[in-house]
Protein backbone atom coordinates (compact mmCIF):
# COMPACT_ATOMS: atom_id res chain seq x y z
CA MET A 1 -4.30 24.27 -14.14
CA ALA A 2 -5.47 24.98 -10.64
CA SER A 3 -8.57 23.29 -9.38
CA LYS A 4 -10.93 24.84 -6.80
CA ILE A 5 -11.65 22.45 -3.86
CA ILE A 6 -13.89 22.82 -0.84
CA VAL A 7 -13.38 20.77 2.33
CA VAL A 8 -16.11 20.42 5.01
CA GLY A 9 -15.77 19.43 8.64
CA ALA A 10 -17.81 16.67 10.26
CA VAL A 11 -21.51 17.24 9.50
CA GLU A 12 -22.67 14.36 11.69
CA GLY A 13 -25.91 13.77 9.86
CA ALA A 14 -26.67 17.40 8.83
CA PHE A 15 -25.78 16.64 5.15
CA PRO A 16 -29.05 17.80 3.62
CA SER A 17 -28.56 21.43 4.63
CA THR A 18 -24.83 21.31 4.10
CA LEU A 19 -25.13 19.99 0.55
CA GLU A 20 -27.68 22.70 -0.14
CA LYS A 21 -25.14 25.33 1.12
CA ILE A 22 -22.37 23.70 -0.98
CA SER A 23 -24.62 23.79 -4.02
CA LYS A 24 -25.04 27.57 -3.69
CA LEU A 25 -21.30 28.04 -3.25
CA HIS A 26 -20.56 25.80 -6.21
CA ALA A 27 -22.86 27.89 -8.44
CA LYS A 28 -20.66 30.91 -7.74
CA ASN A 29 -17.20 29.31 -7.60
CA SER A 30 -17.32 26.23 -9.91
CA PHE A 31 -15.48 23.88 -7.54
CA SER A 32 -13.85 20.82 -9.08
CA LEU A 33 -14.67 18.63 -6.05
CA ALA A 34 -15.80 18.63 -2.46
CA ILE A 35 -14.41 16.58 0.49
CA PHE A 36 -16.36 15.83 3.66
CA LEU A 37 -14.09 15.04 6.66
CA GLY A 38 -14.96 13.04 9.80
CA ASP A 39 -18.45 11.72 10.38
CA PHE A 40 -20.77 12.31 7.47
CA PHE A 41 -23.65 10.55 9.21
CA ALA A 42 -25.06 10.85 12.74
CA GLY A 43 -23.58 8.51 15.31
CA PRO A 44 -25.56 5.55 16.64
CA GLU A 45 -26.24 7.22 20.04
CA SER A 46 -27.66 10.42 18.59
CA ARG A 47 -29.31 9.05 15.42
CA SER A 48 -32.98 9.96 15.05
CA ASP A 49 -35.85 8.95 12.84
CA GLU A 50 -35.18 12.10 10.82
CA ASP A 51 -31.54 11.01 10.34
CA ASP A 52 -32.72 7.53 9.10
CA ALA A 53 -35.12 9.26 6.67
CA ASN A 54 -32.35 11.47 5.35
CA VAL A 55 -30.10 8.45 4.77
CA SER A 56 -32.80 6.72 2.79
CA ALA A 57 -33.47 9.85 0.78
CA LEU A 58 -29.78 10.23 -0.07
CA ILE A 59 -29.40 6.59 -1.11
CA ASP A 60 -32.57 6.88 -3.28
CA ASP A 61 -31.08 9.91 -5.06
CA LYS A 62 -33.70 12.26 -3.60
CA ILE A 63 -31.05 14.61 -2.23
CA SER A 64 -28.95 16.36 -4.87
CA VAL A 65 -25.15 16.24 -4.74
CA PRO A 66 -24.07 19.05 -7.06
CA LEU A 67 -20.46 18.13 -7.80
CA PRO A 68 -18.08 15.14 -7.38
CA THR A 69 -17.96 14.73 -3.61
CA TYR A 70 -15.97 12.34 -1.36
CA PHE A 71 -16.67 11.38 2.26
CA THR A 72 -14.44 9.71 4.73
CA LEU A 73 -14.75 7.32 7.65
CA GLY A 74 -14.89 9.25 10.97
CA LYS A 75 -15.15 8.05 14.57
CA ASN A 76 -18.49 6.23 14.18
CA PRO A 77 -19.47 3.19 12.15
CA LEU A 78 -21.48 3.77 9.03
CA PRO A 79 -25.25 3.13 9.09
CA ASP A 80 -26.23 -0.34 7.92
CA PRO A 81 -28.21 0.94 4.82
CA VAL A 82 -25.13 2.90 3.76
CA LYS A 83 -22.80 -0.13 4.18
CA ASP A 84 -25.21 -2.30 2.12
CA LYS A 85 -25.34 0.25 -0.70
CA LEU A 86 -21.62 0.79 -0.81
CA GLU A 87 -20.96 -2.94 -0.98
CA ALA A 88 -23.31 -3.26 -3.97
CA SER A 89 -22.25 -0.20 -5.83
CA ASP A 90 -18.44 -0.12 -5.64
CA ASP A 91 -18.33 2.63 -3.03
CA GLU A 92 -20.68 4.99 -4.91
CA LEU A 93 -23.44 5.89 -2.48
CA CYS A 94 -25.47 7.95 -5.05
CA PRO A 95 -24.64 9.99 -8.14
CA ASN A 96 -21.58 12.23 -7.41
CA LEU A 97 -21.02 10.93 -3.87
CA TYR A 98 -18.17 8.48 -3.22
CA PHE A 99 -16.84 6.76 -0.14
CA LEU A 100 -13.05 6.99 0.25
CA GLY A 101 -12.89 3.94 2.52
CA LYS A 102 -10.71 3.36 5.62
CA ARG A 103 -7.39 3.56 3.76
CA SER A 104 -7.09 4.52 0.10
CA THR A 105 -5.19 6.38 -2.57
CA THR A 106 -7.14 8.14 -5.22
CA LYS A 107 -6.17 10.32 -8.20
CA THR A 108 -8.88 12.60 -9.60
CA SER A 109 -9.28 13.49 -13.20
CA GLU A 110 -7.60 16.80 -12.36
CA GLY A 111 -4.52 14.87 -11.36
CA ILE A 112 -4.93 15.48 -7.65
CA ARG A 113 -3.63 12.61 -5.50
CA ILE A 114 -5.61 12.09 -2.36
CA VAL A 115 -4.46 9.67 0.43
CA ASN A 116 -7.08 8.87 3.05
CA LEU A 117 -6.84 7.26 6.51
CA GLY A 118 -10.15 6.95 8.39
CA GLY A 119 -11.04 6.01 11.93
CA SER A 120 -9.02 5.84 15.11
CA LEU A 121 -6.01 3.74 15.97
CA ASP A 122 -7.05 0.36 17.45
CA PRO A 123 -4.52 -0.37 20.24
CA THR A 124 -5.84 -3.98 20.57
CA ILE A 125 -4.46 -4.95 17.17
CA THR A 126 -0.71 -5.11 17.36
CA ALA A 127 -0.07 -6.43 13.79
CA GLY A 128 -1.89 -6.84 10.54
CA LEU A 129 -4.24 -4.89 8.37
CA SER A 130 -7.79 -4.21 9.56
CA LYS A 131 -10.35 -6.33 7.77
CA GLU A 132 -13.66 -4.46 7.99
CA LYS A 133 -13.46 -1.21 5.96
CA HIS A 134 -16.66 0.23 7.43
CA LEU A 135 -15.66 0.11 11.08
CA PRO A 136 -13.94 3.25 12.48
CA PHE A 137 -10.66 1.73 13.50
CA HIS A 138 -7.24 1.40 11.80
CA THR A 139 -4.04 -0.33 12.67
CA GLU A 140 -0.38 0.61 12.58
CA ASP A 141 -0.05 -1.62 9.51
CA ASP A 142 -2.91 0.19 7.76
CA VAL A 143 -0.88 3.38 8.14
CA LYS A 144 2.34 1.64 7.10
CA ALA A 145 0.55 0.35 3.95
CA LEU A 146 -0.34 3.91 2.88
CA ARG A 147 3.38 4.72 2.58
CA GLY A 148 3.23 2.87 -0.70
CA ALA A 149 1.29 5.78 -2.13
CA ASN A 150 4.72 7.48 -2.29
CA SER A 151 3.38 11.04 -2.22
CA ALA A 152 0.17 12.99 -1.85
CA ASP A 153 -1.33 16.30 -2.80
CA ILE A 154 -3.90 16.01 -0.04
CA LEU A 155 -3.74 13.76 3.07
CA LEU A 156 -6.99 13.18 4.99
CA THR A 157 -6.99 11.77 8.55
CA THR A 158 -9.59 11.67 11.24
CA HIS A 159 -7.05 12.33 13.91
CA TRP A 160 -4.13 14.85 14.22
CA PRO A 161 -0.57 13.79 13.88
CA LEU A 162 1.37 13.77 17.12
CA ASP A 163 3.38 16.92 17.89
CA ILE A 164 1.86 18.89 15.02
CA ARG A 165 1.76 22.06 17.20
CA LYS A 166 5.46 21.77 17.99
CA GLY A 167 7.19 24.98 16.82
CA SER A 168 3.87 26.71 16.01
CA LYS A 169 2.82 30.06 17.35
CA VAL A 170 -0.84 29.60 16.39
CA VAL A 171 -2.95 29.24 19.51
CA LEU A 172 -6.12 27.31 20.01
CA PRO A 173 -9.37 29.07 21.05
CA ASP A 174 -9.84 29.54 24.79
CA GLY A 175 -10.91 26.40 26.58
CA VAL A 176 -9.95 24.12 23.71
CA GLU A 177 -7.26 21.50 24.35
CA THR A 178 -4.97 20.03 21.75
CA PRO A 179 -6.57 16.89 20.38
CA ALA A 180 -4.73 13.64 21.05
CA GLY A 181 -2.42 12.96 18.14
CA GLU A 182 -1.20 9.63 16.68
CA ARG A 183 2.47 8.96 16.15
CA CYS A 184 1.78 6.79 13.12
CA ILE A 185 -0.04 9.63 11.41
CA ALA A 186 2.95 11.88 11.98
CA ASP A 187 5.11 9.17 10.37
CA LEU A 188 2.71 8.96 7.45
CA CYS A 189 2.73 12.73 6.95
CA LEU A 190 6.53 12.73 6.97
CA ALA A 191 6.69 9.87 4.47
CA LEU A 192 4.22 11.41 2.03
CA GLN A 193 4.97 15.07 2.46
CA PRO A 194 1.50 16.19 1.32
CA ARG A 195 0.82 19.74 0.12
CA TYR A 196 -2.24 19.82 2.37
CA HIS A 197 -3.07 17.72 5.43
CA PHE A 198 -6.67 17.99 6.58
CA SER A 199 -8.07 16.69 9.85
CA THR A 200 -10.92 17.27 12.22
CA SER A 201 -11.65 18.51 15.69
CA THR A 202 -14.97 19.01 17.43
CA ASP A 203 -15.06 22.58 18.58
CA ALA A 204 -12.05 24.37 16.98
CA PHE A 205 -10.65 25.46 13.66
CA TYR A 206 -6.87 25.27 13.54
CA GLU A 207 -4.53 26.19 10.67
CA ARG A 208 -0.91 25.70 11.44
CA GLU A 209 1.85 27.74 9.85
CA PRO A 210 3.14 25.83 6.77
CA PHE A 211 6.22 23.71 7.50
CA PHE A 212 8.97 22.58 5.14
CA TYR A 213 10.98 19.42 4.60
CA PRO A 214 14.70 19.41 3.84
CA PRO A 215 15.34 19.17 0.11
CA THR A 216 16.24 15.82 -1.40
CA GLU A 217 19.24 15.03 -3.61
CA LYS A 218 16.86 14.83 -6.56
CA GLU A 219 15.51 18.33 -5.90
CA SER A 220 18.43 20.03 -4.12
CA ASP A 221 16.85 23.50 -4.11
CA ALA A 222 13.11 22.76 -3.84
CA LYS A 223 11.63 22.51 -0.38
CA PRO A 224 8.31 20.60 -0.09
CA ILE A 225 5.75 22.31 2.14
CA THR A 226 2.84 20.92 4.07
CA ARG A 227 -0.15 23.06 5.28
CA PHE A 228 -2.00 21.36 8.15
CA ILE A 229 -5.61 22.44 8.62
CA SER A 230 -8.18 21.00 11.07
CA LEU A 231 -11.84 21.91 10.55
CA ALA A 232 -14.41 22.18 13.28
CA ALA A 233 -17.62 20.13 13.17
CA SER A 234 -20.43 21.92 11.33
CA ALA A 235 -22.58 22.14 14.46
CA ASN A 236 -19.90 23.41 16.79
CA SER A 237 -21.26 25.72 19.53
CA SER A 238 -18.57 28.40 19.15
CA LYS A 239 -19.18 28.87 15.41
CA GLN A 240 -15.64 27.89 14.50
CA LYS A 241 -14.73 27.61 10.80
CA SER A 242 -16.02 24.27 9.31
CA LEU A 243 -15.57 25.11 5.58
CA TYR A 244 -12.27 25.62 3.76
CA ALA A 245 -11.90 26.50 0.12
CA PHE A 246 -8.62 26.64 -1.72
CA SER A 247 -7.03 26.15 -5.20
CA LEU A 248 -4.49 23.52 -6.01
CA ASP A 249 -2.36 22.85 -9.04
CA PRO A 250 -0.77 19.37 -8.71
CA THR A 251 1.74 20.08 -11.51
CA THR A 252 3.55 22.89 -9.70
CA SER A 253 6.90 22.10 -8.17
CA ALA A 254 7.83 22.64 -4.60
CA PRO A 255 8.94 26.18 -3.91
CA ILE A 256 12.55 27.23 -3.73
CA ASN A 257 11.81 30.25 -1.60
CA LEU A 258 9.85 29.54 1.51
CA PRO A 259 6.54 31.49 2.16
CA LEU A 260 6.66 34.02 4.96
CA GLY A 261 6.02 32.38 8.37
CA THR A 262 7.04 28.86 7.29
CA THR A 263 8.53 26.81 10.15
CA ALA A 264 10.77 23.81 10.52
CA PRO A 265 8.96 20.46 10.55
CA PRO A 266 7.33 19.62 13.91
CA PHE A 267 8.41 15.95 13.50
CA ASN A 268 11.84 14.49 14.30
CA ILE A 269 13.01 13.81 10.74
CA THR A 270 16.18 11.95 11.79
CA GLN A 271 14.07 9.17 13.30
CA LYS A 272 11.54 8.88 10.49
CA ARG A 273 11.42 7.11 7.18
CA GLN A 274 12.55 9.29 4.28
CA ARG A 275 10.07 10.40 1.73
CA LEU A 276 9.25 7.83 -0.96
CA PRO A 277 9.93 9.24 -4.43
CA ASP A 278 7.28 10.44 -6.75
CA GLN A 279 7.45 7.81 -9.46
CA GLU A 280 5.98 10.06 -12.10
CA GLN A 281 3.31 7.57 -13.03
CA SER A 282 -0.38 8.19 -13.87
CA TYR A 283 -2.35 6.77 -10.99
CA THR A 284 -5.96 6.53 -12.13
CA ARG A 285 -9.15 4.69 -11.24
CA PHE A 286 -10.72 5.77 -14.49
CA SER A 287 -10.12 6.40 -18.16
CA THR A 288 -9.55 10.10 -18.82
CA ALA A 289 -10.56 9.51 -22.41
CA GLN A 290 -14.00 8.31 -21.34
CA ASN A 291 -14.45 10.80 -18.52
CA ALA A 292 -12.34 13.90 -18.96
CA ASP A 293 -14.25 16.15 -16.60
CA HIS A 294 -14.42 14.48 -13.19
CA TYR A 295 -13.39 11.47 -11.14
CA ARG A 296 -15.50 8.38 -11.56
CA PRO A 297 -15.36 5.28 -9.31
CA ARG A 298 -13.17 2.24 -9.94
CA LYS A 299 -15.76 0.33 -11.99
CA ASN A 300 -15.49 2.87 -14.81
CA HIS A 301 -11.70 2.88 -15.29
CA ARG A 302 -11.46 -0.04 -17.75
CA ARG A 303 -9.90 0.73 -21.04
CA ASN A 304 -10.66 -0.54 -24.52
CA GLU A 305 -9.00 -3.75 -25.50
CA GLY A 306 -5.91 -3.22 -27.53
CA SER A 307 -5.22 0.33 -26.24
CA ARG A 308 -1.98 0.93 -24.38
CA ALA A 309 -2.60 1.80 -20.77
CA ALA A 310 -0.63 4.16 -18.67
CA PRO A 311 1.44 2.50 -15.89
CA LEU A 312 -0.82 1.46 -13.05
CA GLY A 313 -0.42 3.11 -9.69
CA PRO A 314 -0.84 1.90 -6.13
CA GLN A 315 -4.62 1.96 -6.01
CA ASP A 316 -4.81 -0.17 -9.13
CA CYS A 317 -2.10 -2.61 -8.09
CA PHE A 318 -2.84 -5.99 -6.44
CA PHE A 319 0.50 -5.82 -4.59
CA CYS A 320 0.17 -2.33 -3.05
CA LEU A 321 -1.26 -2.43 0.45
CA SER A 322 -2.93 0.94 -0.14
CA SER A 323 -4.97 -0.51 -2.96
CA PRO A 324 -8.66 -1.35 -2.40
CA SER A 325 -8.14 -4.63 -4.35
CA VAL A 326 -5.34 -6.03 -2.24
CA LYS A 327 -6.10 -9.42 -0.71
CA THR A 328 -5.28 -8.65 2.92
CA HIS A 329 -6.17 -12.06 4.22
CA LEU A 330 -3.21 -13.52 2.34
CA ILE A 331 -0.64 -11.30 4.22
CA ALA A 332 1.53 -13.18 6.65
CA SER A 333 4.03 -10.54 7.85
CA ILE A 334 4.67 -6.80 7.25
CA ALA A 335 7.96 -5.06 7.90
CA ASN A 336 8.94 -1.37 7.28
CA ASP A 337 9.80 -1.69 3.60
CA ALA A 338 8.67 -5.17 2.54
CA TYR A 339 6.01 -7.77 3.36
CA LEU A 340 5.37 -11.50 3.05
CA THR A 341 2.25 -13.11 1.65
CA THR A 342 1.06 -16.56 0.63
CA ALA A 343 0.50 -16.97 -3.16
CA LYS A 344 -2.90 -16.75 -4.74
CA GLY A 345 -3.42 -19.92 -6.71
CA PRO A 346 -0.33 -21.56 -5.19
CA LEU A 347 1.64 -24.04 -7.30
CA SER A 348 2.20 -26.42 -4.42
CA THR A 349 -0.50 -27.98 -2.28
CA PRO A 350 -0.65 -29.05 1.42
CA SER A 351 0.48 -32.53 0.37
CA THR A 352 3.41 -31.53 -1.89
CA PHE A 353 5.89 -31.38 0.94
CA PRO A 354 5.10 -34.02 3.59
CA SER A 355 6.67 -32.10 6.53
CA ILE A 356 4.76 -28.92 5.67
CA PRO A 357 0.89 -29.10 5.92
CA PHE A 358 0.30 -26.03 3.72
CA PRO A 359 1.39 -25.01 0.21
CA ALA A 360 4.43 -22.88 1.25
CA HIS A 361 4.36 -20.99 -2.03
CA LEU A 362 5.11 -17.48 -0.88
CA LEU A 363 5.76 -13.93 -2.22
CA ILE A 364 8.20 -11.38 -0.85
CA ILE A 365 7.02 -7.97 -1.96
CA PRO A 366 8.40 -4.43 -1.46
CA LEU A 367 5.97 -1.86 -0.10
CA GLU A 368 6.99 0.74 -2.60
CA HIS A 369 5.23 0.59 -5.93
CA SER A 370 7.99 0.02 -8.55
CA PRO A 371 8.34 -2.46 -11.45
CA THR A 372 11.93 -3.12 -10.40
CA LEU A 373 14.05 -2.87 -7.27
CA ALA A 374 16.47 -0.70 -9.27
CA GLY A 375 13.55 1.58 -10.05
CA ILE A 376 13.33 2.70 -6.42
CA SER A 377 15.15 5.93 -7.02
CA VAL A 378 16.13 6.91 -3.48
CA PRO A 379 19.31 4.77 -2.75
CA GLU A 380 18.56 4.51 1.03
CA ASP A 381 14.98 3.26 0.34
CA ARG A 382 16.24 0.77 -2.23
CA ALA A 383 18.93 -0.53 0.15
CA ARG A 384 16.52 -0.99 3.04
CA THR A 385 13.92 -2.69 0.83
CA TYR A 386 16.47 -5.16 -0.58
CA LYS A 387 17.84 -5.89 2.84
CA GLU A 388 14.37 -6.67 4.27
CA MET A 389 13.47 -8.86 1.32
CA GLN A 390 16.66 -10.83 1.74
CA ARG A 391 16.03 -11.08 5.46
CA TYR A 392 12.64 -12.59 4.77
CA ARG A 393 14.21 -15.08 2.39
CA ARG A 394 16.81 -16.21 4.92
CA ALA A 395 14.14 -16.48 7.66
CA LEU A 396 12.19 -18.82 5.32
CA HIS A 397 15.40 -20.92 4.91
CA SER A 398 15.69 -21.24 8.63
CA PHE A 399 12.07 -22.14 8.84
CA LEU A 400 12.50 -25.00 6.29
CA ILE A 401 15.45 -26.36 8.22
CA SER A 402 13.38 -26.37 11.37
CA LYS A 403 10.59 -28.35 9.69
CA CYS A 404 12.53 -30.61 7.36
CA GLY A 405 16.16 -30.65 8.39
CA SER A 406 18.27 -30.90 5.31
CA LYS A 407 15.56 -32.53 3.11
CA LEU A 408 14.40 -29.29 1.51
CA GLY A 409 16.13 -26.43 -0.22
CA ALA A 410 14.37 -23.53 -1.86
CA VAL A 411 14.03 -21.59 -5.16
CA THR A 412 13.38 -17.87 -5.19
CA TRP A 413 12.75 -16.23 -8.54
CA GLU A 414 12.18 -12.67 -9.77
CA VAL A 415 11.21 -10.96 -13.00
CA SER A 416 12.78 -7.51 -13.10
CA ARG A 417 11.26 -5.77 -16.10
CA ALA A 418 10.34 -2.17 -16.58
CA HIS A 419 6.87 -2.87 -17.92
CA ILE A 420 5.49 -5.03 -15.08
CA ARG A 421 3.28 -3.62 -12.33
CA HIS A 422 5.02 -4.27 -9.07
CA THR A 423 8.23 -6.21 -8.58
CA HIS A 424 8.25 -9.22 -6.19
CA TRP A 425 10.00 -12.48 -5.43
CA GLN A 426 8.36 -15.84 -5.45
CA PHE A 427 9.58 -18.49 -3.00
CA LEU A 428 9.04 -22.22 -3.21
CA PRO A 429 10.59 -25.17 -1.40
CA VAL A 430 12.21 -27.92 -3.46
CA SER A 431 13.92 -31.23 -2.66
CA SER A 432 17.57 -30.76 -1.62
CA ASP A 433 18.42 -33.88 -3.74
CA LEU A 434 17.26 -32.04 -6.87
CA VAL A 435 19.46 -29.08 -5.98
CA LYS A 436 22.47 -31.26 -5.10
CA LYS A 437 22.24 -33.17 -8.41
CA GLY A 438 22.07 -29.91 -10.41
CA LEU A 439 18.59 -30.70 -11.72
CA VAL A 440 17.06 -27.43 -10.63
CA GLU A 441 19.72 -25.38 -12.35
CA ALA A 442 19.43 -27.58 -15.41
CA ALA A 443 15.67 -27.21 -15.54
CA PHE A 444 15.80 -23.43 -15.78
CA LYS A 445 18.56 -23.55 -18.43
CA VAL A 446 16.86 -26.24 -20.49
CA GLU A 447 13.52 -24.44 -20.43
CA ALA A 448 15.22 -21.19 -21.73
CA GLU A 449 16.87 -23.18 -24.49
CA ASN A 450 13.56 -24.88 -25.44
CA GLU A 451 11.92 -21.47 -25.69
CA LYS A 452 14.80 -20.42 -27.95
CA TYR A 453 15.53 -17.31 -25.87
CA PRO A 454 18.43 -15.42 -27.57
CA THR A 455 20.16 -14.98 -24.19
CA SER A 456 21.38 -17.55 -21.75
CA PHE A 457 21.63 -17.89 -17.95
CA ARG A 458 24.79 -16.63 -16.27
CA THR A 459 26.04 -17.25 -12.72
CA LYS A 460 25.96 -13.73 -11.36
CA ASP A 461 24.98 -11.72 -8.31
CA VAL A 462 23.27 -8.43 -9.36
CA GLY A 463 22.28 -7.46 -5.82
CA ASP A 464 19.38 -4.93 -5.74
CA GLY A 465 19.28 -4.84 -9.55
CA THR A 466 21.52 -1.78 -10.09
CA GLY A 467 24.34 -4.20 -10.94
CA ALA A 468 22.50 -5.43 -14.00
CA LYS A 469 22.28 -3.67 -17.35
CA GLY A 470 18.59 -3.56 -18.24
CA ASP A 471 15.86 -6.11 -17.49
CA PHE A 472 16.52 -9.66 -16.22
CA PHE A 473 15.04 -12.84 -14.83
CA ARG A 474 16.79 -14.01 -11.63
CA VAL A 475 16.69 -17.25 -9.68
CA TRP A 476 18.37 -18.10 -6.38
CA ILE A 477 18.85 -21.84 -5.83
CA TRP A 478 19.58 -22.69 -2.17
CA MET A 479 20.06 -25.77 0.02
CA PRO A 480 21.20 -26.05 3.61
CA ALA A 481 24.76 -26.99 4.37
CA GLU A 482 25.32 -29.93 6.66
CA GLU A 483 26.93 -27.73 9.30
CA ASP A 484 23.81 -25.56 9.40
CA VAL A 485 21.61 -28.49 10.59
CA VAL A 486 22.00 -30.08 14.01
CA ASP A 487 19.29 -32.62 14.90
CA GLY A 488 17.05 -31.20 12.16
CA GLN A 489 17.31 -27.61 13.49
CA SER A 490 18.94 -24.51 12.06
CA THR A 491 22.13 -23.38 13.78
CA SER A 492 21.29 -19.75 13.04
CA SER A 493 19.36 -17.65 15.55
CA GLU A 494 15.66 -17.18 15.00
CA HIS A 495 15.82 -13.40 14.65
CA ALA A 496 19.41 -12.94 13.57
CA GLN A 497 20.46 -9.41 13.17
CA ASP A 498 23.82 -9.87 11.41
CA ASP A 499 22.68 -9.93 7.76
CA GLU A 500 26.19 -10.38 6.35
CA LEU A 501 26.73 -13.50 8.51
CA GLU A 502 23.34 -14.89 7.63
CA GLU A 503 24.07 -14.52 3.89
CA GLU A 504 26.83 -17.06 4.19
CA LYS A 505 24.55 -19.81 5.59
CA GLY A 506 23.87 -22.75 3.26
CA LYS A 507 24.86 -23.28 -0.35
CA GLN A 508 23.45 -20.91 -2.93
CA LYS A 509 23.76 -20.08 -6.59
CA SER A 510 22.34 -16.98 -8.29
CA LEU A 511 21.46 -17.31 -11.97
CA VAL A 512 20.53 -14.34 -14.17
CA LEU A 513 18.92 -14.40 -17.60
CA PRO A 514 19.19 -11.02 -19.39
CA LEU A 515 15.96 -9.84 -21.02
CA ASN A 516 15.57 -7.42 -23.89
CA GLU A 517 12.92 -6.26 -26.36
CA GLU A 518 14.09 -8.75 -29.03
CA PHE A 519 11.95 -11.57 -27.58
CA ARG A 520 8.69 -12.07 -25.66
CA PHE A 521 9.45 -13.37 -22.19
CA ASP A 522 6.74 -15.28 -20.33
CA LEU A 523 6.16 -13.76 -16.95
CA GLN A 524 5.16 -17.27 -15.69
CA PHE A 525 8.52 -18.78 -16.79
CA GLY A 526 9.59 -19.44 -13.19
CA ARG A 527 6.34 -21.10 -12.24
CA ARG A 528 6.34 -23.19 -15.42
CA VAL A 529 9.87 -24.53 -14.74
CA MET A 530 8.98 -25.42 -11.10
CA ALA A 531 5.70 -27.09 -12.17
CA LYS A 532 7.58 -29.43 -14.47
CA LEU A 533 10.36 -30.04 -11.91
CA LEU A 534 7.85 -30.91 -9.12
CA GLY A 535 5.48 -32.95 -11.39
CA LEU A 536 2.73 -30.37 -10.97
CA GLU A 537 2.07 -29.58 -14.64
CA PRO A 538 -1.73 -29.46 -14.18
CA ARG A 539 -1.18 -26.53 -11.77
CA MET A 540 1.05 -24.53 -14.14
CA ASN A 541 -1.57 -21.79 -14.49
CA TRP A 542 -2.33 -20.11 -11.14
CA ARG A 543 -5.91 -19.46 -12.28
CA ASP A 544 -6.50 -23.21 -12.38
CA CYS A 545 -5.49 -23.43 -8.71
CA ALA A 546 -8.02 -21.02 -7.27
CA GLN A 547 -8.92 -21.46 -3.61
CA THR A 548 -11.92 -20.21 -1.71
CA ASP A 549 -11.31 -17.37 0.76
CA GLU A 550 -11.79 -19.89 3.55
CA GLU A 551 -9.12 -22.18 2.14
CA GLU A 552 -6.73 -19.29 1.65
CA THR A 553 -7.32 -17.98 5.14
CA LYS A 554 -6.73 -21.45 6.64
CA ASP A 555 -3.39 -21.87 4.75
CA VAL A 556 -2.08 -18.39 5.73
CA GLY A 557 -3.06 -19.02 9.31
CA ALA A 558 -1.23 -22.26 9.37
CA PHE A 559 1.84 -20.68 7.83
CA LYS A 560 1.86 -17.73 10.21
CA GLU A 561 1.72 -20.06 13.24
CA ALA A 562 4.58 -22.22 11.87
CA PHE A 563 6.65 -19.22 10.85
CA LYS A 564 6.05 -17.12 13.98
CA GLN A 565 9.35 -17.89 15.68
CA PHE A 566 11.27 -16.83 12.59
CA ASP A 567 9.23 -13.74 11.82
CA TRP A 568 11.72 -10.98 12.78
CA ALA A 569 9.18 -8.36 11.75
CA LEU A 570 7.10 -9.11 14.86
CA GLU A 571 9.99 -7.85 17.04
CA ASP A 572 11.36 -4.98 14.92
């Protein structure tokens, strides 16, 4: 069923009168939701006593918001009272008014998926996610993280994508220049292929002709279409359009026949990342059973104990960089399709490995939200993701050799099961002597036997998972070969490009334990085996190893500094 939506350009503090206008329009049209683009509040240089009074009235629920309404981060920081209220209320400023944050993915109760990127690109930050969600700046990695949303019905950005007017015959009003665009936003639009992309400009309304994307193998006839619309600010002097109402049914498929006037995409597709597949999962921040009419904020999405939840999507996943709950301070490196992070509640400690003054328990995680690598349905995306994850693993091997010579090997394990949230690999150093004596391999096999699992480990390479039949637990056991170590240093280059050559370095064995529905498999199996092997049984449960944010930040900083010369993602 189609939902009626109204989108509003930057009101810059004039929200009392605009909300009153929206209320009258809503009474006649019954909108499902409203979206405010750009700056909702007055900027610090133009803010008056009246603006401050309006902010207080809004926070105190003295200004009515007639329907579920979302506002974004524009080019100015939020007022301090607004930031304080949002921090205390889980981004709900007042009844019916919700802050979308700097980067977020949201799915409304109508099934409409909204991806939002607020603020301007900060050129001074060359790597990493931005930390402060209320400041009007984003980074390249913030944009890259949103690719994990996979698709979008509506994309919201403060700035235009670069080259959006390429191939368009629509002209701007006299005297209005094309706003500066961002290349990373163009890349995001291309990756998500939204039905609608809304942005802002100060003095002009601009609606480009719709543009299409080449069909995928999955939908050989359908051609996804994006409509780019930029709304003028409400108080623009030339009275350009600042309101846009439309209807959207998120269940409709991409058209086979293109609408009249549709153009080729303005972006260079051959140089961009292909679209991530729609994983056909229910991405919700709320329980539709408890709140079937409208979106509610995250705090209301909890389900009753014992009920079976729908698969969680990116905004509910601790491993998705587009999720509000992701622990960004743990992230050590981000590539195009995978990233590296220190473990929360690490099994090892800074004293476990004498040559390494930090825990060195790490996670290698794909950017795409999928319970298994094999579940990434686009073959090219899956191949790139697996290649980058393996490249991180080999870089960690070289890092260990540089610090410890041949003293340490490593274990990397993975649970590939259709019912988990987001697949990932866990990496942990281990004594090379334990590997050489076969004790690591034996530990995994004995633990499986003690648990009376009906299947047993097999020596097998299943690659990206498509080589396995069904679910599995996998462990790679690695140790450096003598010829790979000269005076305690790795003989491989720091940022080696030849992945096939690098795969041959060291001695490695891949063990696979098939999983099925006949038995309950403990997702902490790998950690439990390693805890016993390293004599760290009291740290078997990660919740018992909690660190403060300060301790976690210190550990990830120490690792990043030590790993820097091997972090190929910094140069790619």
